[in-house]
Amino acid sequence: MLLLPLLEIKLFPDLAGIGLWFVSFFAINPLIVISLSFMAGTDVKKLWWIPITVSAVFPLLFGVAICDFVWDLYFYSAIYLFLGIVTMLITHFVKNAVSKKAK
């Protein structure tokens, strides 16, 4: 979440870079959050902190990449937190249901 915005800024300093930011906000970052939360759902007792950390760190890392602090990014963080928690819980409950059914 730090590397991608930095690459977008350095390689595409014009409007194409801003377009890539939108792709990051709406496609790439949610996929990262969902993937990490899916892994966290496999062991919630140890990995419960992953969705919270990812959503808390995102605005800070993006702010470092653009050398500015943007309060609006916390709106995206809230969405990422919701996606992460829902994905983690669904994964956890599906894993438990499958293991109970197997027994």
PDB file of N, CA and C in Angstrom:
ATOM      1  N   MET A   1       0.816  -1.199   0.000  1.00  0.00           N
ATOM      2  CA  MET A   1       0.000   0.000   0.000  1.00  0.00           C
ATOM      3  C   MET A   1       0.857   1.259   0.000  1.00  0.00           C
ATOM      4  N   LEU A   2       2.123   1.117   0.242  1.00  0.00           N
ATOM      5  CA  LEU A   2       3.036   2.252   0.115  1.00  0.00           C
ATOM      6  C   LEU A   2       3.737   2.218  -1.229  1.00  0.00           C
ATOM      7  N   LEU A   3       4.107   1.038  -1.667  1.00  0.00           N
ATOM      8  CA  LEU A   3       4.882   0.902  -2.889  1.00  0.00           C
ATOM      9  C   LEU A   3       4.089   1.297  -4.134  1.00  0.00           C
ATOM     10  N   LEU A   4       2.856   0.861  -4.223  1.00  0.00           N
ATOM     11  CA  LEU A   4       2.055   1.158  -5.412  1.00  0.00           C
ATOM     12  C   LEU A   4       1.815   2.658  -5.610  1.00  0.00           C
ATOM     13  N   PRO A   5       1.400   3.413  -4.581  1.00  0.00           N
ATOM     14  CA  PRO A   5       1.261   4.861  -4.802  1.00  0.00           C
ATOM     15  C   PRO A   5       2.585   5.546  -5.152  1.00  0.00           C
ATOM     16  N   LEU A   6       3.673   5.095  -4.552  1.00  0.00           N
ATOM     17  CA  LEU A   6       4.973   5.683  -4.893  1.00  0.00           C
ATOM     18  C   LEU A   6       5.324   5.440  -6.358  1.00  0.00           C
ATOM     19  N   LEU A   7       5.096   4.216  -6.816  1.00  0.00           N
ATOM     20  CA  LEU A   7       5.363   3.913  -8.228  1.00  0.00           C
ATOM     21  C   LEU A   7       4.467   4.726  -9.152  1.00  0.00           C
ATOM     22  N   GLU A   8       3.203   4.873  -8.776  1.00  0.00           N
ATOM     23  CA  GLU A   8       2.287   5.653  -9.603  1.00  0.00           C
ATOM     24  C   GLU A   8       2.723   7.106  -9.699  1.00  0.00           C
ATOM     25  N   ILE A   9       3.210   7.663  -8.602  1.00  0.00           N
ATOM     26  CA  ILE A   9       3.645   9.055  -8.602  1.00  0.00           C
ATOM     27  C   ILE A   9       4.919   9.225  -9.412  1.00  0.00           C
ATOM     28  N   LYS A  10       5.860   8.328  -9.242  1.00  0.00           N
ATOM     29  CA  LYS A  10       7.147   8.458  -9.917  1.00  0.00           C
ATOM     30  C   LYS A  10       7.054   8.155 -11.415  1.00  0.00           C
ATOM     31  N   LEU A  11       6.252   7.153 -11.782  1.00  0.00           N
ATOM     32  CA  LEU A  11       6.181   6.763 -13.193  1.00  0.00           C
ATOM     33  C   LEU A  11       5.167   7.566 -13.995  1.00  0.00           C
ATOM     34  N   PHE A  12       4.085   7.995 -13.330  1.00  0.00           N
ATOM     35  CA  PHE A  12       3.011   8.709 -14.032  1.00  0.00           C
ATOM     36  C   PHE A  12       2.632   9.963 -13.246  1.00  0.00           C
ATOM     37  N   PRO A  13       3.400  11.045 -13.374  1.00  0.00           N
ATOM     38  CA  PRO A  13       3.118  12.236 -12.565  1.00  0.00           C
ATOM     39  C   PRO A  13       1.921  13.061 -13.057  1.00  0.00           C
ATOM     40  N   ASP A  14       1.348  12.699 -14.172  1.00  0.00           N
ATOM     41  CA  ASP A  14       0.237  13.485 -14.718  1.00  0.00           C
ATOM     42  C   ASP A  14      -1.106  12.844 -14.366  1.00  0.00           C
ATOM     43  N   LEU A  15      -2.110  13.077 -15.172  1.00  0.00           N
ATOM     44  CA  LEU A  15      -3.452  12.560 -14.900  1.00  0.00           C
ATOM     45  C   LEU A  15      -3.538  11.036 -14.937  1.00  0.00           C
ATOM     46  N   ALA A  16      -2.649  10.403 -15.655  1.00  0.00           N
ATOM     47  CA  ALA A  16      -2.649   8.935 -15.674  1.00  0.00           C
ATOM     48  C   ALA A  16      -2.351   8.394 -14.282  1.00  0.00           C
ATOM     49  N   GLY A  17      -1.495   9.048 -13.545  1.00  0.00           N
ATOM     50  CA  GLY A  17      -1.200   8.639 -12.168  1.00  0.00           C
ATOM     51  C   GLY A  17      -2.412   8.760 -11.267  1.00  0.00           C
ATOM     52  N   ILE A  18      -3.162   9.822 -11.451  1.00  0.00           N
ATOM     53  CA  ILE A  18      -4.386  10.003 -10.658  1.00  0.00           C
ATOM     54  C   ILE A  18      -5.401   8.930 -11.022  1.00  0.00           C
ATOM     55  N   GLY A  19      -5.486   8.582 -12.270  1.00  0.00           N
ATOM     56  CA  GLY A  19      -6.365   7.489 -12.687  1.00  0.00           C
ATOM     57  C   GLY A  19      -5.961   6.169 -12.051  1.00  0.00           C
ATOM     58  N   LEU A  20      -4.660   5.943 -11.952  1.00  0.00           N
ATOM     59  CA  LEU A  20      -4.176   4.731 -11.297  1.00  0.00           C
ATOM     60  C   LEU A  20      -4.482   4.743  -9.797  1.00  0.00           C
ATOM     61  N   TRP A  21      -4.513   5.931  -9.185  1.00  0.00           N
ATOM     62  CA  TRP A  21      -4.914   6.013  -7.772  1.00  0.00           C
ATOM     63  C   TRP A  21      -6.332   5.515  -7.595  1.00  0.00           C
ATOM     64  N   PHE A  22      -7.200   5.926  -8.517  1.00  0.00           N
ATOM     65  CA  PHE A  22      -8.592   5.478  -8.424  1.00  0.00           C
ATOM     66  C   PHE A  22      -8.711   3.969  -8.613  1.00  0.00           C
ATOM     67  N   VAL A  23      -7.923   3.430  -9.517  1.00  0.00           N
ATOM     68  CA  VAL A  23      -7.907   1.975  -9.687  1.00  0.00           C
ATOM     69  C   VAL A  23      -7.423   1.316  -8.398  1.00  0.00           C
ATOM     70  N   SER A  24      -6.435   1.918  -7.768  1.00  0.00           N
ATOM     71  CA  SER A  24      -5.942   1.385  -6.491  1.00  0.00           C
ATOM     72  C   SER A  24      -7.024   1.427  -5.418  1.00  0.00           C
ATOM     73  N   PHE A  25      -7.714   2.564  -5.304  1.00  0.00           N
ATOM     74  CA  PHE A  25      -8.732   2.722  -4.261  1.00  0.00           C
ATOM     75  C   PHE A  25      -9.888   1.749  -4.427  1.00  0.00           C
ATOM     76  N   PHE A  26     -10.317   1.560  -5.673  1.00  0.00           N
ATOM     77  CA  PHE A  26     -11.541   0.805  -5.905  1.00  0.00           C
ATOM     78  C   PHE A  26     -11.326  -0.649  -6.299  1.00  0.00           C
ATOM     79  N   ALA A  27     -10.111  -1.045  -6.657  1.00  0.00           N
ATOM     80  CA  ALA A  27      -9.892  -2.426  -7.091  1.00  0.00           C
ATOM     81  C   ALA A  27      -8.735  -3.099  -6.352  1.00  0.00           C
ATOM     82  N   ILE A  28      -7.564  -2.533  -6.430  1.00  0.00           N
ATOM     83  CA  ILE A  28      -6.377  -3.221  -5.917  1.00  0.00           C
ATOM     84  C   ILE A  28      -6.362  -3.274  -4.389  1.00  0.00           C
ATOM     85  N   ASN A  29      -6.565  -2.139  -3.734  1.00  0.00           N
ATOM     86  CA  ASN A  29      -6.550  -2.138  -2.268  1.00  0.00           C
ATOM     87  C   ASN A  29      -7.668  -2.994  -1.669  1.00  0.00           C
ATOM     88  N   PRO A  30      -8.901  -2.943  -2.181  1.00  0.00           N
ATOM     89  CA  PRO A  30      -9.903  -3.863  -1.642  1.00  0.00           C
ATOM     90  C   PRO A  30      -9.532  -5.329  -1.819  1.00  0.00           C
ATOM     91  N   LEU A  31      -8.904  -5.666  -2.941  1.00  0.00           N
ATOM     92  CA  LEU A  31      -8.466  -7.050  -3.139  1.00  0.00           C
ATOM     93  C   LEU A  31      -7.368  -7.440  -2.150  1.00  0.00           C
ATOM     94  N   ILE A  32      -6.476  -6.512  -1.842  1.00  0.00           N
ATOM     95  CA  ILE A  32      -5.443  -6.778  -0.849  1.00  0.00           C
ATOM     96  C   ILE A  32      -6.079  -6.998   0.515  1.00  0.00           C
ATOM     97  N   VAL A  33      -7.024  -6.130   0.873  1.00  0.00           N
ATOM     98  CA  VAL A  33      -7.698  -6.246   2.173  1.00  0.00           C
ATOM     99  C   VAL A  33      -8.465  -7.564   2.259  1.00  0.00           C
ATOM    100  N   ILE A  34      -9.182  -7.918   1.207  1.00  0.00           N
ATOM    101  CA  ILE A  34      -9.953  -9.161   1.209  1.00  0.00           C
ATOM    102  C   ILE A  34      -9.023 -10.368   1.300  1.00  0.00           C
ATOM    103  N   SER A  35      -7.919 -10.351   0.576  1.00  0.00           N
ATOM    104  CA  SER A  35      -6.972 -11.469   0.625  1.00  0.00           C
ATOM    105  C   SER A  35      -6.366 -11.639   2.013  1.00  0.00           C
ATOM    106  N   LEU A  36      -5.913 -10.539   2.603  1.00  0.00           N
ATOM    107  CA  LEU A  36      -5.324 -10.627   3.933  1.00  0.00           C
ATOM    108  C   LEU A  36      -6.362 -11.025   4.980  1.00  0.00           C
ATOM    109  N   SER A  37      -7.578 -10.543   4.830  1.00  0.00           N
ATOM    110  CA  SER A  37      -8.632 -10.890   5.779  1.00  0.00           C
ATOM    111  C   SER A  37      -9.067 -12.334   5.618  1.00  0.00           C
ATOM    112  N   PHE A  38      -9.019 -12.841   4.398  1.00  0.00           N
ATOM    113  CA  PHE A  38      -9.304 -14.252   4.171  1.00  0.00           C
ATOM    114  C   PHE A  38      -8.304 -15.110   4.936  1.00  0.00           C
ATOM    115  N   MET A  39      -7.028 -14.723   4.866  1.00  0.00           N
ATOM    116  CA  MET A  39      -6.009 -15.457   5.617  1.00  0.00           C
ATOM    117  C   MET A  39      -6.215 -15.297   7.119  1.00  0.00           C
ATOM    118  N   ALA A  40      -6.636 -14.111   7.552  1.00  0.00           N
ATOM    119  CA  ALA A  40      -6.884 -13.890   8.984  1.00  0.00           C
ATOM    120  C   ALA A  40      -8.053 -14.723   9.474  1.00  0.00           C
ATOM    121  N   GLY A  41      -9.018 -14.989   8.619  1.00  0.00           N
ATOM    122  CA  GLY A  41     -10.176 -15.783   9.005  1.00  0.00           C
ATOM    123  C   GLY A  41      -9.856 -17.242   9.264  1.00  0.00           C
ATOM    124  N   THR A  42      -8.708 -17.706   8.788  1.00  0.00           N
ATOM    125  CA  THR A  42      -8.330 -19.090   9.035  1.00  0.00           C
ATOM    126  C   THR A  42      -7.890 -19.319  10.477  1.00  0.00           C
ATOM    127  N   ASP A  43      -7.428 -18.251  11.133  1.00  0.00           N
ATOM    128  CA  ASP A  43      -7.048 -18.340  12.547  1.00  0.00           C
ATOM    129  C   ASP A  43      -7.327 -16.996  13.214  1.00  0.00           C
ATOM    130  N   VAL A  44      -8.581 -16.764  13.540  1.00  0.00           N
ATOM    131  CA  VAL A  44      -9.029 -15.468  14.052  1.00  0.00           C
ATOM    132  C   VAL A  44      -8.369 -15.135  15.392  1.00  0.00           C
ATOM    133  N   LYS A  45      -8.135 -16.135  16.222  1.00  0.00           N
ATOM    134  CA  LYS A  45      -7.561 -15.871  17.547  1.00  0.00           C
ATOM    135  C   LYS A  45      -6.174 -15.241  17.457  1.00  0.00           C
ATOM    136  N   LYS A  46      -5.395 -15.604  16.459  1.00  0.00           N
ATOM    137  CA  LYS A  46      -4.048 -15.062  16.310  1.00  0.00           C
ATOM    138  C   LYS A  46      -3.979 -13.885  15.340  1.00  0.00           C
ATOM    139  N   LEU A  47      -4.858 -13.858  14.346  1.00  0.00           N
ATOM    140  CA  LEU A  47      -4.737 -12.875  13.261  1.00  0.00           C
ATOM    141  C   LEU A  47      -5.880 -11.856  13.210  1.00  0.00           C
ATOM    142  N   TRP A  48      -6.580 -11.648  14.300  1.00  0.00           N
ATOM    143  CA  TRP A  48      -7.715 -10.721  14.328  1.00  0.00           C
ATOM    144  C   TRP A  48      -7.303  -9.292  14.016  1.00  0.00           C
ATOM    145  N   TRP A  49      -6.060  -8.958  14.223  1.00  0.00           N
ATOM    146  CA  TRP A  49      -5.569  -7.597  14.082  1.00  0.00           C
ATOM    147  C   TRP A  49      -5.307  -7.182  12.637  1.00  0.00           C
ATOM    148  N   ILE A  50      -5.284  -8.111  11.718  1.00  0.00           N
ATOM    149  CA  ILE A  50      -4.911  -7.797  10.334  1.00  0.00           C
ATOM    150  C   ILE A  50      -5.872  -6.806   9.672  1.00  0.00           C
ATOM    151  N   PRO A  51      -7.203  -7.012   9.674  1.00  0.00           N
ATOM    152  CA  PRO A  51      -8.071  -6.027   9.019  1.00  0.00           C
ATOM    153  C   PRO A  51      -7.982  -4.634   9.653  1.00  0.00           C
ATOM    154  N   ILE A  52      -7.823  -4.596  10.964  1.00  0.00           N
ATOM    155  CA  ILE A  52      -7.727  -3.306  11.650  1.00  0.00           C
ATOM    156  C   ILE A  52      -6.434  -2.593  11.267  1.00  0.00           C
ATOM    157  N   THR A  53      -5.350  -3.331  11.257  1.00  0.00           N
ATOM    158  CA  THR A  53      -4.054  -2.734  10.929  1.00  0.00           C
ATOM    159  C   THR A  53      -4.006  -2.251   9.488  1.00  0.00           C
ATOM    160  N   VAL A  54      -4.518  -3.053   8.575  1.00  0.00           N
ATOM    161  CA  VAL A  54      -4.496  -2.670   7.162  1.00  0.00           C
ATOM    162  C   VAL A  54      -5.299  -1.388   6.943  1.00  0.00           C
ATOM    163  N   SER A  55      -6.465  -1.300   7.557  1.00  0.00           N
ATOM    164  CA  SER A  55      -7.285  -0.101   7.353  1.00  0.00           C
ATOM    165  C   SER A  55      -6.702   1.111   8.082  1.00  0.00           C
ATOM    166  N   ALA A  56      -5.993   0.909   9.185  1.00  0.00           N
ATOM    167  CA  ALA A  56      -5.396   2.036   9.905  1.00  0.00           C
ATOM    168  C   ALA A  56      -4.122   2.537   9.228  1.00  0.00           C
ATOM    169  N   VAL A  57      -3.380   1.640   8.616  1.00  0.00           N
ATOM    170  CA  VAL A  57      -2.101   2.007   8.018  1.00  0.00           C
ATOM    171  C   VAL A  57      -2.263   2.601   6.617  1.00  0.00           C
ATOM    172  N   PHE A  58      -3.332   2.250   5.927  1.00  0.00           N
ATOM    173  CA  PHE A  58      -3.523   2.718   4.555  1.00  0.00           C
ATOM    174  C   PHE A  58      -3.416   4.235   4.405  1.00  0.00           C
ATOM    175  N   PRO A  59      -4.164   5.063   5.176  1.00  0.00           N
ATOM    176  CA  PRO A  59      -4.054   6.513   4.961  1.00  0.00           C
ATOM    177  C   PRO A  59      -2.667   7.055   5.282  1.00  0.00           C
ATOM    178  N   LEU A  60      -2.015   6.460   6.262  1.00  0.00           N
ATOM    179  CA  LEU A  60      -0.674   6.920   6.611  1.00  0.00           C
ATOM    180  C   LEU A  60       0.325   6.626   5.496  1.00  0.00           C
ATOM    181  N   LEU A  61       0.272   5.412   4.956  1.00  0.00           N
ATOM    182  CA  LEU A  61       1.197   5.052   3.878  1.00  0.00           C
ATOM    183  C   LEU A  61       0.934   5.859   2.615  1.00  0.00           C
ATOM    184  N   PHE A  62      -0.334   6.064   2.297  1.00  0.00           N
ATOM    185  CA  PHE A  62      -0.639   6.858   1.114  1.00  0.00           C
ATOM    186  C   PHE A  62      -0.218   8.305   1.323  1.00  0.00           C
ATOM    187  N   GLY A  63      -0.388   8.815   2.549  1.00  0.00           N
ATOM    188  CA  GLY A  63       0.067  10.174   2.853  1.00  0.00           C
ATOM    189  C   GLY A  63       1.565  10.320   2.696  1.00  0.00           C
ATOM    190  N   VAL A  64       2.316   9.303   3.103  1.00  0.00           N
ATOM    191  CA  VAL A  64       3.769   9.325   2.914  1.00  0.00           C
ATOM    192  C   VAL A  64       4.099   9.333   1.421  1.00  0.00           C
ATOM    193  N   ALA A  65       3.374   8.549   0.650  1.00  0.00           N
ATOM    194  CA  ALA A  65       3.657   8.449  -0.785  1.00  0.00           C
ATOM    195  C   ALA A  65       3.418   9.773  -1.499  1.00  0.00           C
ATOM    196  N   ILE A  66       2.365  10.495  -1.131  1.00  0.00           N
ATOM    197  CA  ILE A  66       2.078  11.754  -1.831  1.00  0.00           C
ATOM    198  C   ILE A  66       2.589  12.975  -1.085  1.00  0.00           C
ATOM    199  N   CYS A  67       3.263  12.750   0.051  1.00  0.00           N
ATOM    200  CA  CYS A  67       3.827  13.830   0.871  1.00  0.00           C
ATOM    201  C   CYS A  67       2.758  14.825   1.326  1.00  0.00           C
ATOM    202  N   ASP A  68       1.599  14.322   1.645  1.00  0.00           N
ATOM    203  CA  ASP A  68       0.498  15.148   2.119  1.00  0.00           C
ATOM    204  C   ASP A  68      -0.437  14.255   2.921  1.00  0.00           C
ATOM    205  N   PHE A  69      -1.141  14.857   3.861  1.00  0.00           N
ATOM    206  CA  PHE A  69      -2.099  14.092   4.660  1.00  0.00           C
ATOM    207  C   PHE A  69      -3.503  14.425   4.179  1.00  0.00           C
ATOM    208  N   VAL A  70      -4.261  13.417   3.784  1.00  0.00           N
ATOM    209  CA  VAL A  70      -5.600  13.613   3.242  1.00  0.00           C
ATOM    210  C   VAL A  70      -6.607  12.947   4.175  1.00  0.00           C
ATOM    211  N   TRP A  71      -7.472  13.738   4.780  1.00  0.00           N
ATOM    212  CA  TRP A  71      -8.464  13.207   5.717  1.00  0.00           C
ATOM    213  C   TRP A  71      -9.491  12.322   5.030  1.00  0.00           C
ATOM    214  N   ASP A  72      -9.752  12.566   3.761  1.00  0.00           N
ATOM    215  CA  ASP A  72     -10.753  11.780   3.032  1.00  0.00           C
ATOM    216  C   ASP A  72     -10.370  10.312   2.920  1.00  0.00           C
ATOM    217  N   LEU A  73      -9.112  10.002   3.070  1.00  0.00           N
ATOM    218  CA  LEU A  73      -8.683   8.610   2.977  1.00  0.00           C
ATOM    219  C   LEU A  73      -9.230   7.764   4.116  1.00  0.00           C
ATOM    220  N   TYR A  74      -9.609   8.390   5.216  1.00  0.00           N
ATOM    221  CA  TYR A  74     -10.197   7.631   6.318  1.00  0.00           C
ATOM    222  C   TYR A  74     -11.572   7.087   5.954  1.00  0.00           C
ATOM    223  N   PHE A  75     -12.245   7.713   5.000  1.00  0.00           N
ATOM    224  CA  PHE A  75     -13.494   7.158   4.480  1.00  0.00           C
ATOM    225  C   PHE A  75     -13.224   5.815   3.811  1.00  0.00           C
ATOM    226  N   TYR A  76     -12.172   5.761   2.998  1.00  0.00           N
ATOM    227  CA  TYR A  76     -11.802   4.499   2.356  1.00  0.00           C
ATOM    228  C   TYR A  76     -11.344   3.480   3.396  1.00  0.00           C
ATOM    229  N   SER A  77     -10.659   3.948   4.427  1.00  0.00           N
ATOM    230  CA  SER A  77     -10.226   3.040   5.488  1.00  0.00           C
ATOM    231  C   SER A  77     -11.411   2.388   6.176  1.00  0.00           C
ATOM    232  N   ALA A  78     -12.472   3.149   6.383  1.00  0.00           N
ATOM    233  CA  ALA A  78     -13.666   2.575   7.000  1.00  0.00           C
ATOM    234  C   ALA A  78     -14.273   1.497   6.109  1.00  0.00           C
ATOM    235  N   ILE A  79     -14.286   1.737   4.824  1.00  0.00           N
ATOM    236  CA  ILE A  79     -14.796   0.732   3.884  1.00  0.00           C
ATOM    237  C   ILE A  79     -13.896  -0.503   3.900  1.00  0.00           C
ATOM    238  N   TYR A  80     -12.580  -0.283   3.896  1.00  0.00           N
ATOM    239  CA  TYR A  80     -11.643  -1.402   3.928  1.00  0.00           C
ATOM    240  C   TYR A  80     -11.783  -2.184   5.228  1.00  0.00           C
ATOM    241  N   LEU A  81     -12.011  -1.482   6.344  1.00  0.00           N
ATOM    242  CA  LEU A  81     -12.203  -2.170   7.618  1.00  0.00           C
ATOM    243  C   LEU A  81     -13.455  -3.035   7.581  1.00  0.00           C
ATOM    244  N   PHE A  82     -14.541  -2.491   7.049  1.00  0.00           N
ATOM    245  CA  PHE A  82     -15.777  -3.263   6.928  1.00  0.00           C
ATOM    246  C   PHE A  82     -15.567  -4.497   6.053  1.00  0.00           C
ATOM    247  N   LEU A  83     -14.940  -4.310   4.882  1.00  0.00           N
ATOM    248  CA  LEU A  83     -14.661  -5.442   3.995  1.00  0.00           C
ATOM    249  C   LEU A  83     -13.791  -6.487   4.683  1.00  0.00           C
ATOM    250  N   GLY A  84     -12.795  -6.029   5.403  1.00  0.00           N
ATOM    251  CA  GLY A  84     -11.883  -6.945   6.069  1.00  0.00           C
ATOM    252  C   GLY A  84     -12.551  -7.752   7.164  1.00  0.00           C
ATOM    253  N   ILE A  85     -13.346  -7.082   7.993  1.00  0.00           N
ATOM    254  CA  ILE A  85     -14.004  -7.791   9.088  1.00  0.00           C
ATOM    255  C   ILE A  85     -15.038  -8.775   8.560  1.00  0.00           C
ATOM    256  N   VAL A  86     -15.813  -8.355   7.572  1.00  0.00           N
ATOM    257  CA  VAL A  86     -16.819  -9.260   6.997  1.00  0.00           C
ATOM    258  C   VAL A  86     -16.153 -10.472   6.353  1.00  0.00           C
ATOM    259  N   THR A  87     -15.100 -10.246   5.589  1.00  0.00           N
ATOM    260  CA  THR A  87     -14.400 -11.354   4.945  1.00  0.00           C
ATOM    261  C   THR A  87     -13.795 -12.297   5.979  1.00  0.00           C
ATOM    262  N   MET A  88     -13.186 -11.727   7.013  1.00  0.00           N
ATOM    263  CA  MET A  88     -12.588 -12.557   8.058  1.00  0.00           C
ATOM    264  C   MET A  88     -13.647 -13.398   8.758  1.00  0.00           C
ATOM    265  N   LEU A  89     -14.778 -12.810   9.094  1.00  0.00           N
ATOM    266  CA  LEU A  89     -15.829 -13.549   9.792  1.00  0.00           C
ATOM    267  C   LEU A  89     -16.459 -14.624   8.902  1.00  0.00           C
ATOM    268  N   ILE A  90     -16.700 -14.304   7.639  1.00  0.00           N
ATOM    269  CA  ILE A  90     -17.258 -15.300   6.724  1.00  0.00           C
ATOM    270  C   ILE A  90     -16.300 -16.482   6.581  1.00  0.00           C
ATOM    271  N   THR A  91     -15.014 -16.187   6.407  1.00  0.00           N
ATOM    272  CA  THR A  91     -14.024 -17.255   6.292  1.00  0.00           C
ATOM    273  C   THR A  91     -13.995 -18.107   7.555  1.00  0.00           C
ATOM    274  N   HIS A  92     -14.035 -17.460   8.701  1.00  0.00           N
ATOM    275  CA  HIS A  92     -14.005 -18.190   9.970  1.00  0.00           C
ATOM    276  C   HIS A  92     -15.214 -19.108  10.117  1.00  0.00           C
ATOM    277  N   PHE A  93     -16.406 -18.580   9.837  1.00  0.00           N
ATOM    278  CA  PHE A  93     -17.616 -19.389  10.001  1.00  0.00           C
ATOM    279  C   PHE A  93     -17.704 -20.510   8.971  1.00  0.00           C
ATOM    280  N   VAL A  94     -17.268 -20.264   7.755  1.00  0.00           N
ATOM    281  CA  VAL A  94     -17.267 -21.310   6.737  1.00  0.00           C
ATOM    282  C   VAL A  94     -16.264 -22.399   7.114  1.00  0.00           C
ATOM    283  N   LYS A  95     -15.104 -22.010   7.594  1.00  0.00           N
ATOM    284  CA  LYS A  95     -14.100 -22.993   8.013  1.00  0.00           C
ATOM    285  C   LYS A  95     -14.634 -23.838   9.163  1.00  0.00           C
ATOM    286  N   ASN A  96     -15.286 -23.208  10.131  1.00  0.00           N
ATOM    287  CA  ASN A  96     -15.853 -23.964  11.258  1.00  0.00           C
ATOM    288  C   ASN A  96     -16.970 -24.890  10.805  1.00  0.00           C
ATOM    289  N   ALA A  97     -17.819 -24.428   9.895  1.00  0.00           N
ATOM    290  CA  ALA A  97     -18.915 -25.272   9.403  1.00  0.00           C
ATOM    291  C   ALA A  97     -18.374 -26.480   8.640  1.00  0.00           C
ATOM    292  N   VAL A  98     -17.352 -26.273   7.837  1.00  0.00           N
ATOM    293  CA  VAL A  98     -16.767 -27.373   7.078  1.00  0.00           C
ATOM    294  C   VAL A  98     -16.099 -28.364   8.014  1.00  0.00           C
ATOM    295  N   SER A  99     -15.386 -27.870   9.027  1.00  0.00           N
ATOM    296  CA  SER A  99     -14.732 -28.795   9.955  1.00  0.00           C
ATOM    297  C   SER A  99     -15.735 -29.566  10.812  1.00  0.00           C
ATOM    298  N   LYS A 100     -16.841 -28.938  11.181  1.00  0.00           N
ATOM    299  CA  LYS A 100     -17.890 -29.661  11.935  1.00  0.00           C
ATOM    300  C   LYS A 100     -18.583 -30.706  11.053  1.00  0.00           C
ATOM    301  N   LYS A 101     -18.777 -30.349   9.795  1.00  0.00           N
ATOM    302  CA  LYS A 101     -19.422 -31.286   8.875  1.00  0.00           C
ATOM    303  C   LYS A 101     -18.513 -32.477   8.596  1.00  0.00           C
ATOM    304  N   ALA A 102     -17.215 -32.242   8.559  1.00  0.00           N
ATOM    305  CA  ALA A 102     -16.257 -33.321   8.312  1.00  0.00           C
ATOM    306  C   ALA A 102     -16.174 -34.285   9.489  1.00  0.00           C
ATOM    307  N   LYS A 103     -16.418 -33.778  10.687  1.00  0.00           N
ATOM    308  CA  LYS A 103     -16.384 -34.643  11.869  1.00  0.00           C
ATOM    309  C   LYS A 103     -17.650 -35.426  11.929  1.00  0.00           C
TER     310      LYS A 103
END
